[in-house]
């Protein structure tokens, strides 16, 4: 990742995970970076 790269969006993302056999939602802070020539964007 290039240090000069700036995120397109940033904010709270709710990620689903399994805790003790039960599905829960985890709140995480995420940054979305633009896709490059290959067309792949990154979180």
Protein backbone atom coordinates (compact mmCIF):
# COMPACT_ATOMS: atom_id res chain seq x y z
CA UNK A 1 0.00 0.00 0.00
CA UNK A 2 1.34 3.40 -0.99
CA UNK A 3 1.63 5.86 1.94
CA UNK A 4 0.31 8.69 -0.30
CA UNK A 5 -2.91 6.79 -0.99
CA UNK A 6 -6.02 8.34 0.58
CA UNK A 7 -9.20 6.43 1.38
CA UNK A 8 -12.38 7.10 -0.61
CA UNK A 9 -14.64 6.42 2.37
CA UNK A 10 -14.19 5.74 6.06
CA UNK A 11 -16.65 4.89 8.78
CA UNK A 12 -18.26 2.21 10.90
CA UNK A 13 -18.85 -1.18 9.33
CA UNK A 14 -20.94 -3.95 10.92
CA UNK A 15 -19.26 -7.34 10.42
CA UNK A 16 -21.10 -10.58 11.14
CA UNK A 17 -19.25 -13.24 13.15
CA UNK A 18 -20.05 -16.36 15.17
CA UNK A 19 -19.61 -16.25 18.95
CA UNK A 20 -20.39 -19.40 20.96
CA UNK A 21 -22.43 -20.80 18.07
CA UNK A 22 -24.54 -17.63 17.85
CA UNK A 23 -24.32 -15.04 15.06
CA UNK A 24 -23.44 -11.57 16.30
CA UNK A 25 -22.60 -8.23 14.71
CA UNK A 26 -19.24 -6.63 15.44
CA UNK A 27 -18.78 -2.90 14.93
CA UNK A 28 -15.43 -2.04 13.30
CA UNK A 29 -13.89 1.13 11.85
CA UNK A 30 -13.00 0.61 8.18
CA UNK A 31 -11.29 2.55 5.38
CA UNK A 32 -12.18 1.91 1.74
CA UNK A 33 -9.44 2.43 -0.84
CA UNK A 34 -10.11 2.79 -4.57
CA UNK A 35 -9.55 -0.04 -7.01
CA UNK A 36 -6.36 -0.04 -9.03
CA UNK A 37 -5.72 -1.15 -12.61
CA UNK A 38 -6.72 -4.71 -11.65
CA UNK A 39 -10.13 -3.42 -10.48
CA UNK A 40 -9.74 -4.62 -6.87
CA UNK A 41 -10.71 -2.28 -4.02
CA UNK A 42 -9.42 -2.78 -0.48
CA UNK A 43 -10.86 -2.28 3.01
